[in-house]
């Protein structure tokens, strides 16, 4: 994986995950995800780790990692780079995400379902318990028994399925890995991410959205454009849309 650069806080505003996603999409930047954070710790990026710890202390970090819980059981989907227009989002299915209320990291990892959940959370399917513990202790600067996990109860999942993943320091000198916050209801700080050598597969040009990986072009359908197309189709003529492309795809 390419080395990543985590950008400084764009401002001091607290936003929900939904608001941050829109913010970074507008800037054509990728929003920080849980796998990004795992990677920067793996690269021993101490300067960025210290910077993130300050954010953890000031408020919370909202990531682009999202959890969509099932209404009827403990299964869930974990999505990294949720709703990004800059990079392709990645979806992972997890058979069971238990109800965790300040559950110690070591206790979560002792269960096969818990280990699978945390592996999906950081997108490291083969990570060992030792590697995961090292990641969270290095990131937070806390002892392993101070790292706690939070997920919603099943009754809460029946009401609201879409949650964001956040990180931060809490009461009793603990570090929280929180998957309970409603994606458009709980706010925090966040960061943009740059991967210099990553292959870019999504482009914008004249308001059109090009995805070279999916081989698709999305054009915003304004009311005027829709009416023009409908008018042309009603006369059984070919539809021609003039578009001045500024991106060369090879």
Protein backbone atom coordinates (compact mmCIF):
# COMPACT_ATOMS: atom_id res chain seq x y z
CA UNK A 1 0.00 0.00 0.00
CA UNK A 2 1.23 3.48 -0.85
CA UNK A 3 2.32 5.79 1.92
CA UNK A 4 -0.42 8.16 2.89
CA UNK A 5 -0.40 11.76 4.00
CA UNK A 6 -3.01 12.83 6.52
CA UNK A 7 -3.86 16.49 6.07
CA UNK A 8 -4.19 19.01 8.86
CA UNK A 9 -7.63 19.84 10.21
CA UNK A 10 -9.37 22.00 7.61
CA UNK A 11 -11.01 24.04 10.38
CA UNK A 12 -12.30 23.77 13.93
CA UNK A 13 -15.87 22.91 12.93
CA UNK A 14 -17.62 19.84 14.27
CA UNK A 15 -19.57 17.98 11.58
CA UNK A 16 -21.48 14.73 11.24
CA UNK A 17 -20.15 11.95 9.04
CA UNK A 18 -22.65 12.90 6.35
CA UNK A 19 -21.52 16.55 6.48
CA UNK A 20 -17.83 15.61 6.43
CA UNK A 21 -18.32 13.33 3.42
CA UNK A 22 -19.95 16.18 1.51
CA UNK A 23 -17.20 18.54 2.68
CA UNK A 24 -14.36 16.37 1.38
CA UNK A 25 -16.21 15.46 -1.82
CA UNK A 26 -16.51 19.17 -2.57
CA UNK A 27 -12.74 19.52 -2.03
CA UNK A 28 -12.07 16.43 -4.19
CA UNK A 29 -10.30 14.87 -1.21
CA UNK A 30 -10.56 11.47 0.39
CA UNK A 31 -11.88 11.43 3.96
CA UNK A 32 -9.83 9.49 6.51
CA UNK A 33 -10.97 5.91 7.11
CA UNK A 34 -10.12 3.27 9.71
CA UNK A 35 -7.80 1.43 7.23
CA UNK A 36 -5.99 4.73 6.58
CA UNK A 37 -5.34 5.11 10.29
CA UNK A 38 -4.10 1.52 10.51
CA UNK A 39 -1.71 2.22 7.64
CA UNK A 40 -0.21 5.39 9.12
CA UNK A 41 0.42 3.56 12.41
CA UNK A 42 2.02 0.69 10.47
CA UNK A 43 4.27 3.26 8.77
CA UNK A 44 5.20 4.59 12.24
CA UNK A 45 4.07 8.09 11.29
CA UNK A 46 4.64 9.45 14.81
CA UNK A 47 4.01 13.08 13.92
CA UNK A 48 0.56 12.34 12.53
CA UNK A 49 -0.26 9.99 15.40
CA UNK A 50 0.49 12.77 17.89
CA UNK A 51 -1.65 15.16 15.86
CA UNK A 52 -4.56 12.74 15.87
CA UNK A 53 -4.22 12.22 19.61
CA UNK A 54 -4.76 15.94 20.05
CA UNK A 55 -7.98 15.66 18.06
CA UNK A 56 -9.00 12.65 20.16
CA UNK A 57 -8.52 14.80 23.24
CA UNK A 58 -10.14 17.97 21.87
CA UNK A 59 -13.25 16.17 20.64
CA UNK A 60 -13.61 13.06 18.48
CA UNK A 61 -12.39 11.97 15.04
CA UNK A 62 -15.19 11.01 12.66
CA UNK A 63 -13.97 8.54 10.02
CA UNK A 64 -15.42 7.64 6.63
CA UNK A 65 -15.92 4.10 7.91
CA UNK A 66 -19.60 3.32 8.29
CA UNK A 67 -21.51 0.42 9.80
CA UNK A 68 -24.93 -0.60 8.52
CA UNK A 69 -26.47 -2.90 11.09
CA UNK A 70 -29.22 -5.41 10.40
CA UNK A 71 -32.63 -4.84 11.94
CA UNK A 72 -33.26 -8.51 12.59
CA UNK A 73 -29.94 -9.99 13.72
CA UNK A 74 -26.37 -9.12 14.68
CA UNK A 75 -24.98 -9.11 11.14
CA UNK A 76 -23.69 -5.89 9.60
CA UNK A 77 -21.97 -4.32 6.62
CA UNK A 78 -18.83 -2.24 7.16
CA UNK A 79 -18.16 0.36 4.49
CA UNK A 80 -14.88 2.22 4.10
CA UNK A 81 -14.77 5.51 2.15
CA UNK A 82 -18.54 5.72 2.44
CA UNK A 83 -20.23 7.76 -0.31
CA UNK A 84 -16.89 9.10 -1.58
CA UNK A 85 -16.78 10.67 -5.02
CA UNK A 86 -12.98 10.51 -4.99
CA UNK A 87 -12.23 6.83 -4.31
CA UNK A 88 -14.31 3.69 -4.56
CA UNK A 89 -15.98 2.65 -1.33
CA UNK A 90 -15.31 -0.85 -0.03
CA UNK A 91 -18.01 -2.98 1.58
CA UNK A 92 -17.33 -5.89 3.92
CA UNK A 93 -19.97 -8.21 5.37
CA UNK A 94 -19.69 -9.31 8.99
CA UNK A 95 -21.80 -12.20 10.31
CA UNK A 96 -22.01 -10.83 13.84
CA UNK A 97 -21.25 -7.57 15.61
CA UNK A 98 -22.10 -8.07 19.26
CA UNK A 99 -23.60 -5.48 21.57
CA UNK A 100 -20.55 -3.86 23.17
CA UNK A 101 -20.85 -1.38 25.99
CA UNK A 102 -17.35 -0.27 27.02
CA UNK A 103 -16.05 -3.74 26.14
CA UNK A 104 -12.30 -4.17 26.60
CA UNK A 105 -10.34 -4.70 23.40
CA UNK A 106 -8.76 -7.95 24.63
CA UNK A 107 -12.20 -9.36 25.50
CA UNK A 108 -13.55 -8.42 22.06
CA UNK A 109 -10.62 -10.17 20.36
CA UNK A 110 -10.99 -13.31 22.49
CA UNK A 111 -14.22 -14.05 20.61
CA UNK A 112 -14.02 -15.22 16.99
CA UNK A 113 -16.89 -12.90 16.06
CA UNK A 114 -15.16 -9.98 17.76
CA UNK A 115 -11.87 -10.67 16.01
CA UNK A 116 -13.69 -10.81 12.65
CA UNK A 117 -15.42 -7.52 13.40
CA UNK A 118 -12.22 -5.67 14.28
CA UNK A 119 -10.41 -7.13 11.26
CA UNK A 120 -13.16 -5.77 9.02
CA UNK A 121 -13.10 -2.44 10.85
CA UNK A 122 -9.45 -1.92 9.90
CA UNK A 123 -9.68 -3.95 6.65
CA UNK A 124 -6.98 -6.40 7.74
CA UNK A 125 -8.48 -9.88 7.25
CA UNK A 126 -5.40 -11.74 8.51
CA UNK A 127 -4.39 -9.48 11.39
CA UNK A 128 -3.49 -11.31 14.59
CA UNK A 129 -4.69 -10.31 18.03
CA UNK A 130 -1.19 -9.08 18.83
CA UNK A 131 -1.05 -6.88 15.71
CA UNK A 132 -4.45 -5.37 16.46
CA UNK A 133 -3.54 -4.65 20.08
CA UNK A 134 -0.28 -3.03 18.97
CA UNK A 135 -2.19 -0.85 16.50
CA UNK A 136 -4.68 0.50 19.02
CA UNK A 137 -2.17 0.95 21.84
CA UNK A 138 0.27 2.75 19.53
CA UNK A 139 -2.47 4.97 18.12
CA UNK A 140 -3.97 5.93 21.46
CA UNK A 141 -0.92 5.79 23.72
CA UNK A 142 -3.11 3.90 26.20
CA UNK A 143 -2.71 0.51 27.85
CA UNK A 144 -4.75 -2.28 26.30
CA UNK A 145 -7.28 -2.42 29.16
CA UNK A 146 -8.08 1.26 28.56
CA UNK A 147 -9.22 0.66 24.97
CA UNK A 148 -12.97 0.14 24.84
CA UNK A 149 -15.46 -0.74 22.10
CA UNK A 150 -19.02 0.51 21.75
CA UNK A 151 -21.78 -0.78 19.47
CA UNK A 152 -25.58 -0.29 19.65
CA UNK A 153 -27.99 -2.71 21.24
CA UNK A 154 -30.21 -4.83 18.98
CA UNK A 155 -33.26 -2.76 19.92
CA UNK A 156 -31.40 0.40 18.91
CA UNK A 157 -30.40 -1.20 15.60
CA UNK A 158 -34.05 -1.83 14.82
CA UNK A 159 -34.65 1.92 14.89
CA UNK A 160 -31.45 3.22 13.26
CA UNK A 161 -29.19 1.01 11.16
CA UNK A 162 -26.66 3.47 9.69
CA UNK A 163 -23.88 4.47 12.09
CA UNK A 164 -20.49 6.13 11.76
CA UNK A 165 -17.22 4.98 13.33
CA UNK A 166 -15.45 7.47 15.57
CA UNK A 167 -12.36 7.49 17.78
CA UNK A 168 -11.57 9.52 20.85
CA UNK A 169 -10.58 9.78 24.47
CA UNK A 170 -13.33 9.40 27.02
CA UNK A 171 -13.92 9.23 30.75
CA UNK A 172 -11.62 7.34 33.11
CA UNK A 173 -8.61 7.85 30.80
CA UNK A 174 -10.08 5.49 28.20
CA UNK A 175 -9.87 5.40 24.41
CA UNK A 176 -13.14 4.68 22.64
CA UNK A 177 -13.71 2.88 19.33
CA UNK A 178 -17.30 3.88 18.79
CA UNK A 179 -19.72 2.44 16.27
CA UNK A 180 -22.93 3.80 17.73
CA UNK A 181 -23.14 7.38 16.43
CA UNK A 182 -25.94 8.12 13.98
CA UNK A 183 -24.27 9.13 10.69
CA UNK A 184 -26.17 12.41 10.41
CA UNK A 185 -26.72 13.09 14.09
CA UNK A 186 -23.40 13.00 15.95
CA UNK A 187 -20.56 15.34 15.06
CA UNK A 188 -16.80 15.57 15.49
CA UNK A 189 -13.52 16.51 13.83
CA UNK A 190 -12.07 14.84 10.74
CA UNK A 191 -9.19 14.86 8.25
CA UNK A 192 -8.50 14.58 4.55
CA UNK A 193 -6.06 12.02 3.17
CA UNK A 194 -3.70 12.04 0.17
CA UNK A 195 -2.19 8.91 -1.37
CA UNK A 196 0.38 10.32 -3.85
CA UNK A 197 1.00 7.20 -5.90
CA UNK A 198 -2.49 5.76 -5.80
CA UNK A 199 -4.19 5.23 -9.15
CA UNK A 200 -6.99 7.72 -9.53
CA UNK A 201 -10.09 6.16 -11.04
CA UNK A 202 -12.62 8.93 -10.58
CA UNK A 203 -12.62 12.32 -12.26
CA UNK A 204 -14.81 15.39 -12.55
CA UNK A 205 -15.19 17.49 -15.69
CA UNK A 206 -17.85 20.12 -16.41
CA UNK A 207 -20.00 18.66 -13.65
CA UNK A 208 -19.83 15.17 -15.18
CA UNK A 209 -18.48 12.33 -13.05
CA UNK A 210 -16.20 9.77 -14.73
CA UNK A 211 -15.41 6.39 -13.15
CA UNK A 212 -12.74 4.64 -15.21
CA UNK A 213 -12.87 1.52 -13.06
CA UNK A 214 -16.62 1.08 -13.48
CA UNK A 215 -16.44 2.50 -17.04
CA UNK A 216 -19.34 4.85 -16.39
CA UNK A 217 -20.09 8.54 -16.93
CA UNK A 218 -22.66 10.28 -14.73
CA UNK A 219 -24.14 13.57 -15.91
CA UNK A 220 -26.25 15.74 -13.58
CA UNK A 221 -29.75 15.81 -15.05
CA UNK A 222 -31.02 19.34 -14.56
CA UNK A 223 -34.68 20.08 -15.16
CA UNK A 224 -33.85 21.92 -18.39
CA UNK A 225 -31.70 19.05 -19.67
CA UNK A 226 -34.39 16.49 -18.88
CA UNK A 227 -37.02 18.55 -20.68
CA UNK A 228 -34.75 18.94 -23.72
CA UNK A 229 -34.17 15.19 -23.86
CA UNK A 230 -37.87 14.41 -23.44
CA UNK A 231 -38.72 16.89 -26.17
CA UNK A 232 -36.18 15.35 -28.53
CA UNK A 233 -37.33 11.80 -27.78
CA UNK A 234 -40.97 12.72 -28.38
CA UNK A 235 -39.98 13.66 -31.93
CA UNK A 236 -38.13 10.35 -32.34
CA UNK A 237 -34.82 12.06 -32.97
CA UNK A 238 -31.37 11.07 -31.81
CA UNK A 239 -30.28 12.69 -28.56
CA UNK A 240 -27.07 14.67 -28.86
CA UNK A 241 -25.52 16.36 -25.83
CA UNK A 242 -22.58 18.65 -26.40
CA UNK A 243 -20.01 18.23 -23.67
CA UNK A 244 -16.65 19.98 -23.62
CA UNK A 245 -14.45 17.36 -21.95
CA UNK A 246 -11.44 18.54 -19.99
CA UNK A 247 -10.18 15.14 -18.88
CA UNK A 248 -8.27 12.80 -21.16
CA UNK A 249 -8.88 9.16 -20.30
CA UNK A 250 -6.26 6.67 -21.52
